[in-house]
C-alpha cells in the first residue's frame, strides 16, 4: 500500500511536469487546464498580448522558454492570492518597440511562499517595477536577472503642496517589494545598460526641466529653485526598493549586484538585513528613510556612487507616537552600519551633477517639521578608501544645527577608517 501510494504520487508529479504546452491553443489555455501544477516551458518564444495568470496553489512555470508581451498596458505574468507558486528559469520580456510599459513584468499580489528563482526579466521599462510584490509573505527572489528597466518619463508632483511641479526624468525600478513581510532578495543582478546620466542624455531629453508648476511655490523648495524651473534630481527609481512604511517588515537583501541605478537600494521598511551586496555606479548607493527602524547594513561594497553611498534620514511617512503611546511612533533609527567598503566615491556617471553636495555618509534631518529625528545608530568598522583628490568635502555629513530638534542624535562612531574629504572627515565631531 505504501509503495502504491508513493508510485501514484510520483506518477502524478511526472505527469504535471510533462504537460506539453504545444498541445493547447495558447499558453494561458495550458495553465488553465492544469491549475495548481508546475508546467515545463520548453525553449522557444511564446508571444502574448494579454497577461498570463497562474491559477491554483502550487502552480508555476519552469523551463528555458521566453514569454514575449506585446501589450504595454498589461503585465507579462500575474499571480494573485496563491500559495507555494514556483517560477524557475523562464524569461519574461517585451516585444521590440513595446518595451516602455505601464505595468510590471512579473506582478505578485497577496501571495505566500512564492519562489522566483533564476528568472530573467528583460526590457520591461516601467516605474511599477520589473518584478513587483505587493502584500506578500515569505516570498523568495533568488538568482534572477533584471536588465534594462528604466525609461524617460515625467515626474508629476503638482498634486503635492510640498513640491508643486512636474519635470522630465529617467525612472524605472528593478525589484519592488511593497507592504510585504519576510521577503528574501538574494543573489540577483539588477543592471541598466541603456539610460546612463550623461550630459548628452540630459540634453537630448531635457532631463530636470520643469514641464509645469502650480501657482504657489512648494514648501520644500527655495525661491531660487522655484524661479529656475529646473531640478538636479532627475534620476528617479531604484534598483531594489522595499517600501510601505510600517507595513513592510523582516526583509533580507543579501548578495545582490546592482549597477547603474538611480537609487541602488531604497528602504522604507523595518527590520531589514542589507548584507554582502555590490552597489556600483548609482546616483545613491542606498538609503533608509520614512521611519525605517532596526536596519542592519553590513559587509556591502559601494563603488563609484555619486551623491552618497549610505544615507539615513526621516521622510514624510515618519511621525511621532501618540502622547500616551510613544511606541506607536514611526521613527528612523536603532540601526547598525558596519564593515562596509566605500571606494571610488564621486567617480560614477553622475559625478558631474552634484558638486559639493555629495558625501559618502549622509545622516539627515526630516522632510517635515513633525518628523522625529534619526536616533541611535552605530557606525563601526567601515572603510572609506580614496585614491587621489577626494571628490567630497566631508566623509560624513550630519545635517542640522548641533542639538537642533530635528538633528540626528545618538550616533556612535568607532573603528572606522574614513579618508578625509577636502574639508576633513566630518562636518562636526563624531561621538565615540
Protein backbone atom coordinates (compact mmCIF):
# COMPACT_ATOMS: atom_id res chain seq x y z
CA UNK A 1 0.00 0.00 0.00
CA UNK A 2 2.81 2.38 0.87
CA UNK A 3 4.60 1.60 -2.44
CA UNK A 4 1.43 2.08 -4.43
CA UNK A 5 0.72 5.41 -2.82
CA UNK A 6 4.29 6.58 -3.43
CA UNK A 7 4.21 5.39 -7.04
CA UNK A 8 0.93 7.18 -7.62
CA UNK A 9 2.35 10.40 -6.18
CA UNK A 10 5.47 10.16 -8.36
CA UNK A 11 3.46 9.46 -11.48
CA UNK A 12 1.25 12.44 -10.73
CA UNK A 13 4.29 14.67 -10.30
CA UNK A 14 5.88 13.45 -13.52
CA UNK A 15 2.64 13.96 -15.37
CA UNK A 16 2.36 17.53 -14.13
CA UNK A 17 5.83 18.36 -15.33
CA UNK A 18 5.40 16.51 -18.60
CA UNK A 19 2.47 18.59 -19.90
CA UNK A 20 3.21 19.76 -23.44
CA UNK A 21 2.03 23.34 -23.79
CA UNK A 22 2.10 22.86 -27.58
CA UNK A 23 -1.00 20.67 -27.20
CA UNK A 24 -3.06 23.74 -26.26
CA UNK A 25 -4.23 26.77 -28.27
CA UNK A 26 -2.01 29.05 -26.21
CA UNK A 27 -0.01 29.17 -23.01
CA UNK A 28 -2.91 30.52 -20.93
CA UNK A 29 -5.08 27.60 -22.02
CA UNK A 30 -2.39 25.17 -20.85
CA UNK A 31 -2.18 26.90 -17.48
CA UNK A 32 -5.96 26.92 -17.10
CA UNK A 33 -6.16 23.22 -17.88
CA UNK A 34 -3.66 22.38 -15.14
CA UNK A 35 -4.30 24.63 -12.12
CA UNK A 36 -2.02 24.02 -9.17
CA UNK A 37 0.66 22.34 -11.29
CA UNK A 38 4.14 23.43 -12.32
CA UNK A 39 4.34 23.26 -16.11
CA UNK A 40 7.53 22.92 -18.10
CA UNK A 41 8.08 25.69 -20.64
CA UNK A 42 10.32 24.35 -23.44
CA UNK A 43 12.79 26.59 -25.24
CA UNK A 44 11.28 28.99 -27.73
CA UNK A 45 9.29 32.23 -27.82
CA UNK A 46 5.70 32.40 -26.56
CA UNK A 47 4.09 35.65 -27.78
CA UNK A 48 1.19 37.05 -25.76
CA UNK A 49 -0.97 40.20 -25.91
CA UNK A 50 -2.79 39.68 -22.60
CA UNK A 51 -1.30 38.98 -19.21
CA UNK A 52 -0.66 35.39 -18.23
CA UNK A 53 -2.41 34.38 -14.99
CA UNK A 54 -1.43 31.44 -12.81
CA UNK A 55 -4.25 29.63 -11.05
CA UNK A 56 -4.29 27.35 -8.03
CA UNK A 57 -1.94 26.91 -5.08
CA UNK A 58 1.25 25.17 -6.13
CA UNK A 59 1.07 26.42 -9.73
CA UNK A 60 4.11 27.50 -11.66
CA UNK A 61 6.31 27.54 -14.73
CA UNK A 62 9.77 26.09 -15.16
CA UNK A 63 11.98 25.96 -18.20
CA UNK A 64 14.01 27.94 -20.68
CA UNK A 65 11.13 29.42 -22.71
CA UNK A 66 10.69 33.16 -23.39
CA UNK A 67 7.32 34.81 -22.82
CA UNK A 68 7.10 37.91 -25.03
CA UNK A 69 4.44 40.51 -24.20
CA UNK A 70 3.33 42.90 -26.99
CA UNK A 71 0.84 44.91 -24.91
CA UNK A 72 2.48 47.65 -22.79
CA UNK A 73 -0.75 48.11 -20.81
CA UNK A 74 -0.63 44.59 -19.40
CA UNK A 75 1.78 42.79 -17.06
CA UNK A 76 3.58 39.83 -18.55
CA UNK A 77 2.69 37.43 -15.74
CA UNK A 78 0.36 38.00 -12.78
CA UNK A 79 -0.15 35.90 -9.66
CA UNK A 80 -2.78 36.81 -7.06
CA UNK A 81 -3.82 35.22 -3.80
CA UNK A 82 -1.89 31.98 -4.25
CA UNK A 83 0.41 29.88 -2.09
CA UNK A 84 3.53 27.85 -2.93
CA UNK A 85 3.94 29.13 -6.50
CA UNK A 86 7.21 28.35 -8.29
CA UNK A 87 8.75 30.27 -11.20
CA UNK A 88 12.11 29.00 -12.35
CA UNK A 89 14.40 29.65 -15.32
CA UNK A 90 11.82 31.37 -17.54
CA UNK A 91 12.39 34.63 -19.41
CA UNK A 92 9.82 37.43 -19.31
CA UNK A 93 10.34 40.19 -21.86
CA UNK A 94 8.52 42.67 -24.06
CA UNK A 95 8.39 42.83 -27.82
CA UNK A 96 10.71 45.24 -29.67
CA UNK A 97 9.14 48.70 -29.80
CA UNK A 98 6.83 47.83 -26.88
CA UNK A 99 9.34 47.89 -24.05
CA UNK A 100 8.10 51.12 -22.40
CA UNK A 101 5.33 49.70 -20.26
CA UNK A 102 2.78 50.91 -17.75
CA UNK A 103 2.79 47.58 -15.91
CA UNK A 104 5.26 45.23 -14.24
CA UNK A 105 6.85 42.24 -15.92
CA UNK A 106 6.02 39.94 -13.00
CA UNK A 107 3.35 41.05 -10.54
CA UNK A 108 2.52 39.02 -7.41
CA UNK A 109 -0.30 40.22 -5.13
CA UNK A 110 -1.19 38.74 -1.73
CA UNK A 111 0.83 35.59 -2.28
CA UNK A 112 2.62 33.49 0.32
CA UNK A 113 5.67 31.26 -0.01
CA UNK A 114 6.26 32.38 -3.59
CA UNK A 115 9.58 31.25 -5.10
CA UNK A 116 11.09 33.14 -8.04
CA UNK A 117 14.39 31.54 -8.98
CA UNK A 118 16.75 32.15 -11.92
CA UNK A 119 14.07 34.12 -13.76
CA UNK A 120 15.11 36.73 -16.35
CA UNK A 121 13.04 39.90 -16.79
CA UNK A 122 14.39 41.86 -19.72
CA UNK A 123 13.43 45.21 -21.28
CA UNK A 124 10.44 45.87 -19.04
CA UNK A 125 10.77 49.65 -18.70
CA UNK A 126 8.27 50.59 -16.04
CA UNK A 127 8.08 52.70 -12.88
CA UNK A 128 5.97 49.96 -11.26
CA UNK A 129 8.89 47.51 -11.02
CA UNK A 130 10.08 44.89 -13.48
CA UNK A 131 9.44 42.40 -10.65
CA UNK A 132 6.84 43.60 -8.16
CA UNK A 133 5.49 42.05 -4.96
CA UNK A 134 2.52 43.55 -3.14
CA UNK A 135 1.22 42.35 0.22
CA UNK A 136 3.12 39.08 0.06
CA UNK A 137 4.50 36.88 2.83
CA UNK A 138 7.68 34.83 2.82
CA UNK A 139 8.49 35.32 -0.85
CA UNK A 140 11.93 34.33 -2.16
CA UNK A 141 13.50 36.14 -5.11
CA UNK A 142 16.80 34.44 -5.85
CA UNK A 143 19.43 34.42 -8.61
CA UNK A 144 17.30 36.43 -11.05
CA UNK A 145 18.43 38.84 -13.76
CA UNK A 146 16.63 42.17 -14.16
CA UNK A 147 18.07 44.06 -17.14
CA UNK A 148 17.08 47.37 -18.74
CA UNK A 149 14.12 48.52 -16.68
CA UNK A 150 14.49 52.33 -16.93
CA UNK A 151 12.74 54.83 -19.23
CA UNK A 152 12.29 58.55 -19.88
CA UNK A 153 9.21 59.91 -18.17
CA UNK A 154 7.68 62.89 -16.33
CA UNK A 155 7.63 63.02 -12.53
CA UNK A 156 4.43 64.95 -11.75
CA UNK A 157 4.43 66.44 -8.23
CA UNK A 158 1.84 69.13 -8.86
CA UNK A 159 -0.64 67.34 -6.56
CA UNK A 160 1.69 67.97 -3.61
CA UNK A 161 1.85 71.31 -1.78
CA UNK A 162 5.40 70.39 -0.70
CA UNK A 163 6.69 70.23 -4.28
CA UNK A 164 4.18 71.62 -6.76
CA UNK A 165 5.91 70.96 -10.07
CA UNK A 166 6.49 68.30 -12.76
CA UNK A 167 9.77 67.59 -14.53
CA UNK A 168 11.38 65.38 -17.16
CA UNK A 169 13.24 62.46 -15.64
CA UNK A 170 14.52 58.96 -16.03
CA UNK A 171 12.73 56.45 -13.84
CA UNK A 172 12.10 52.75 -13.50
CA UNK A 173 12.54 50.13 -10.80
CA UNK A 174 14.08 46.67 -10.97
CA UNK A 175 12.66 44.83 -7.94
CA UNK A 176 9.83 46.47 -5.99
CA UNK A 177 8.52 44.99 -2.75
CA UNK A 178 5.52 46.73 -1.17
CA UNK A 179 3.72 46.03 2.13
CA UNK A 180 5.28 42.57 2.40
CA UNK A 181 6.79 40.56 5.25
CA UNK A 182 9.57 38.01 5.47
CA UNK A 183 10.90 38.63 1.95
CA UNK A 184 14.26 37.22 0.84
CA UNK A 185 16.01 39.00 -2.06
CA UNK A 186 19.25 37.16 -2.69
CA UNK A 187 21.85 36.73 -5.42
CA UNK A 188 20.07 38.82 -8.06
CA UNK A 189 21.62 41.01 -10.73
CA UNK A 190 19.83 44.29 -11.43
CA UNK A 191 21.52 46.24 -14.18
CA UNK A 192 20.63 49.12 -16.51
CA UNK A 193 22.55 49.29 -19.79
CA UNK A 194 20.63 51.96 -21.75
CA UNK A 195 19.88 55.01 -19.61
CA UNK A 196 23.03 56.47 -18.12
CA UNK A 197 23.21 60.01 -16.63
CA UNK A 198 25.42 61.53 -19.28
CA UNK A 199 25.34 65.18 -20.34
CA UNK A 200 24.25 64.05 -23.79
CA UNK A 201 21.29 62.09 -22.34
CA UNK A 202 20.30 65.09 -20.21
CA UNK A 203 20.27 67.45 -23.18
CA UNK A 204 18.52 65.02 -25.51
CA UNK A 205 15.57 64.51 -23.16
CA UNK A 206 15.69 67.88 -21.30
CA UNK A 207 16.04 65.98 -18.05
CA UNK A 208 15.34 68.04 -14.95
CA UNK A 209 13.49 70.74 -16.90
CA UNK A 210 10.08 71.51 -15.43
CA UNK A 211 7.08 70.77 -17.63
CA UNK A 212 4.56 72.60 -15.40
CA UNK A 213 4.21 74.07 -11.92
CA UNK A 214 1.49 75.18 -9.51
CA UNK A 215 0.63 78.87 -8.98
CA UNK A 216 2.12 78.71 -5.46
CA UNK A 217 5.70 77.66 -4.60
CA UNK A 218 6.13 74.28 -2.93
CA UNK A 219 7.06 74.41 0.76
CA UNK A 220 10.13 72.16 0.29
CA UNK A 221 11.72 74.49 -2.28
CA UNK A 222 13.81 77.62 -2.19
CA UNK A 223 12.65 80.61 -4.19
CA UNK A 224 15.76 80.32 -6.37
CA UNK A 225 14.92 76.72 -7.33
CA UNK A 226 11.30 77.68 -7.99
CA UNK A 227 12.34 80.51 -10.28
CA UNK A 228 14.94 78.40 -12.12
CA UNK A 229 12.39 75.78 -13.22
CA UNK A 230 14.99 73.03 -13.06
CA UNK A 231 15.98 70.24 -10.65
CA UNK A 232 19.18 68.19 -10.48
CA UNK A 233 17.16 65.34 -9.01
CA UNK A 234 16.07 63.89 -12.36
CA UNK A 235 17.34 60.37 -11.73
CA UNK A 236 14.35 58.58 -10.23
CA UNK A 237 13.55 54.96 -9.45
CA UNK A 238 15.59 52.24 -7.74
CA UNK A 239 17.42 49.04 -8.48
CA UNK A 240 15.74 47.45 -5.45
CA UNK A 241 13.10 49.14 -3.30
CA UNK A 242 11.28 47.82 -0.24
CA UNK A 243 8.50 50.24 0.61
CA UNK A 244 5.26 50.88 2.50
CA UNK A 245 6.47 52.21 5.88
CA UNK A 246 5.20 50.24 8.89
CA UNK A 247 3.74 47.56 6.59
CA UNK A 248 6.96 46.12 5.10
CA UNK A 249 8.91 44.15 7.69
CA UNK A 250 11.55 41.46 8.18
CA UNK A 251 13.33 41.69 4.84
CA UNK A 252 16.69 40.18 3.88
CA UNK A 253 18.60 41.70 0.93
CA UNK A 254 21.71 39.57 0.50
CA UNK A 255 24.46 39.23 -2.08
CA UNK A 256 22.83 41.16 -4.94
CA UNK A 257 24.62 43.11 -7.67
CA UNK A 258 23.01 46.48 -8.51
CA UNK A 259 24.62 48.54 -11.27
CA UNK A 260 23.78 51.85 -12.97
CA UNK A 261 20.65 52.52 -10.92
CA UNK A 262 19.36 55.85 -9.71
CA UNK A 263 18.98 54.68 -6.12
CA UNK A 264 20.76 51.38 -5.70
CA UNK A 265 18.74 50.09 -2.75
CA UNK A 266 15.91 52.16 -1.29
CA UNK A 267 14.41 51.15 2.06
CA UNK A 268 11.18 52.36 3.65
CA UNK A 269 10.83 49.36 5.93
CA UNK A 270 11.58 47.89 9.36
CA UNK A 271 13.92 45.09 10.45
CA UNK A 272 15.97 44.83 7.27
CA UNK A 273 19.27 42.99 6.81
CA UNK A 274 21.25 44.52 3.94
CA UNK A 275 24.42 42.45 3.61
CA UNK A 276 27.10 41.46 1.11
CA UNK A 277 25.64 43.42 -1.81
CA UNK A 278 27.64 45.14 -4.54
CA UNK A 279 26.18 48.54 -5.42
CA UNK A 280 28.10 50.28 -8.17
CA UNK A 281 27.76 53.40 -10.29
CA UNK A 282 24.50 54.52 -8.72
CA UNK A 283 23.33 58.06 -8.06
CA UNK A 284 22.74 56.98 -4.43
CA UNK A 285 24.17 53.75 -3.06
CA UNK A 286 21.45 53.06 -0.50
CA UNK A 287 19.17 54.95 1.78
CA UNK A 288 16.80 54.10 4.62
CA UNK A 289 14.06 56.61 5.36
CA UNK A 290 10.37 57.22 6.12
CA UNK A 291 10.59 55.59 9.53
CA UNK A 292 12.95 52.69 8.73
CA UNK A 293 13.76 51.02 12.07
CA UNK A 294 16.38 48.46 13.05
CA UNK A 295 18.22 48.21 9.74
CA UNK A 296 21.49 46.23 9.62
CA UNK A 297 23.80 47.47 6.84
CA UNK A 298 26.85 45.24 6.88
CA UNK A 299 29.58 43.91 4.62
CA UNK A 300 28.49 45.70 1.43
CA UNK A 301 30.63 47.08 -1.38
CA UNK A 302 29.72 50.60 -2.51
CA UNK A 303 31.66 51.55 -5.65
CA UNK A 304 31.51 54.73 -7.78
CA UNK A 305 28.38 56.18 -6.21
CA UNK A 306 27.73 59.88 -6.76
CA UNK A 307 25.57 61.67 -4.14
CA UNK A 308 26.05 59.38 -1.16
CA UNK A 309 26.91 55.74 -0.56
CA UNK A 310 24.95 55.28 2.68
CA UNK A 311 22.18 57.68 3.68
CA UNK A 312 19.79 57.56 6.64
CA UNK A 313 17.09 60.16 7.01
CA UNK A 314 13.49 60.60 8.17
CA UNK A 315 10.93 61.27 5.47
CA UNK A 316 7.32 62.25 5.01
CA UNK A 317 6.00 58.93 6.39
CA UNK A 318 7.88 59.33 9.71
CA UNK A 319 5.69 60.53 12.56
CA UNK A 320 5.73 60.81 16.36
CA UNK A 321 3.80 58.42 18.57
CA UNK A 322 0.65 59.19 20.45
CA UNK A 323 1.21 61.12 23.66
CA UNK A 324 0.12 58.16 25.78
CA UNK A 325 1.61 55.53 23.42
CA UNK A 326 5.13 56.58 22.33
CA UNK A 327 5.69 53.10 20.90
CA UNK A 328 3.30 53.97 18.05
CA UNK A 329 5.89 56.35 16.55
CA UNK A 330 7.24 55.63 13.10
CA UNK A 331 10.77 56.87 13.68
CA UNK A 332 14.09 56.13 11.98
CA UNK A 333 16.93 54.58 13.92
CA UNK A 334 18.07 51.70 16.07
CA UNK A 335 20.29 50.69 13.14
CA UNK A 336 23.84 49.41 12.61
CA UNK A 337 26.24 50.31 9.79
CA UNK A 338 29.28 48.04 9.94
CA UNK A 339 32.12 46.59 7.88
CA UNK A 340 31.12 48.26 4.61
CA UNK A 341 33.64 49.25 1.95
CA UNK A 342 33.19 52.52 0.04
CA UNK A 343 35.58 53.13 -2.84
CA UNK A 344 35.91 55.42 -5.87
CA UNK A 345 33.24 57.66 -4.39
CA UNK A 346 32.29 60.52 -6.72
CA UNK A 347 33.65 58.75 -9.80
CA UNK A 348 30.36 57.42 -11.14
CA UNK A 349 28.44 58.59 -14.21
CA UNK A 350 26.54 61.25 -12.22
CA UNK A 351 29.62 62.83 -10.62
CA UNK A 352 29.25 65.99 -12.75
CA UNK A 353 25.78 66.78 -11.37
CA UNK A 354 26.30 67.14 -7.64
CA UNK A 355 29.47 69.05 -6.84
CA UNK A 356 29.97 69.73 -3.12
CA UNK A 357 26.55 68.34 -2.18
CA UNK A 358 27.91 64.80 -2.19
CA UNK A 359 29.18 62.87 0.85
CA UNK A 360 29.84 59.13 1.31
CA UNK A 361 27.84 59.03 4.59
CA UNK A 362 24.75 61.23 4.99
CA UNK A 363 22.70 61.44 8.19
CA UNK A 364 19.90 63.88 7.50
CA UNK A 365 17.09 65.76 9.16
CA UNK A 366 13.46 65.03 8.35
CA UNK A 367 11.50 66.42 5.43
CA UNK A 368 8.67 67.74 7.61
CA UNK A 369 8.62 69.59 10.92
CA UNK A 370 6.94 66.76 12.83
CA UNK A 371 9.35 64.05 11.62
CA UNK A 372 11.07 62.50 14.66
CA UNK A 373 14.86 62.77 14.39
CA UNK A 374 17.07 59.90 13.30
CA UNK A 375 18.16 58.32 16.60
CA UNK A 376 20.59 55.65 17.85
CA UNK A 377 22.82 54.47 15.02
CA UNK A 378 26.08 52.53 15.44
CA UNK A 379 28.67 53.19 12.70
CA UNK A 380 31.55 50.77 13.21
CA UNK A 381 34.44 49.26 11.28
CA UNK A 382 33.67 50.80 7.88
CA UNK A 383 36.29 51.60 5.25
CA UNK A 384 36.17 54.71 3.07
CA UNK A 385 39.08 54.45 0.66
CA UNK A 386 40.15 57.29 -1.59
CA UNK A 387 42.85 57.39 -4.26
CA UNK A 388 43.88 60.87 -5.41
CA UNK A 389 41.97 64.05 -4.65
CA UNK A 390 38.68 63.38 -2.86
CA UNK A 391 35.51 64.36 -4.67
CA UNK A 392 33.71 65.27 -1.46
CA UNK A 393 34.03 67.91 1.27
CA UNK A 394 33.45 65.56 4.19
CA UNK A 395 33.42 61.80 4.55
CA UNK A 396 30.49 62.14 6.96
CA UNK A 397 27.77 64.79 6.93
CA UNK A 398 25.35 65.14 9.86
CA UNK A 399 22.68 67.65 8.87
CA UNK A 400 21.05 70.25 11.10
CA UNK A 401 22.35 72.53 13.84
CA UNK A 402 24.03 70.94 16.86
CA UNK A 403 21.33 69.96 19.37
CA UNK A 404 18.57 71.08 17.00
CA UNK A 405 15.19 69.37 17.48
CA UNK A 406 15.39 67.59 14.10
CA UNK A 407 19.16 66.92 14.14
CA UNK A 408 20.22 63.23 14.22
CA UNK A 409 21.13 62.11 17.73
CA UNK A 410 22.71 59.11 19.38
CA UNK A 411 25.13 58.42 16.52
CA UNK A 412 28.11 56.36 17.68
CA UNK A 413 31.27 56.03 15.56
CA UNK A 414 34.10 53.60 16.30
CA UNK A 415 36.83 51.73 14.48
CA UNK A 416 36.16 53.33 11.08
CA UNK A 417 38.85 54.20 8.54
CA UNK A 418 37.50 57.28 6.77
CA UNK A 419 39.60 59.10 4.20
CA UNK A 420 39.06 62.81 4.82
CA UNK A 421 37.40 64.99 2.24
CA UNK A 422 38.61 68.42 1.11
CA UNK A 423 37.48 69.94 4.43
CA UNK A 424 38.06 66.98 6.76
CA UNK A 425 36.48 63.76 7.97
CA UNK A 426 33.15 65.21 9.16
CA UNK A 427 31.26 68.47 9.39
CA UNK A 428 31.18 68.05 13.18
CA UNK A 429 32.90 65.99 15.85
CA UNK A 430 31.97 62.34 15.70
CA UNK A 431 30.92 60.81 19.02
CA UNK A 432 32.55 57.58 20.09
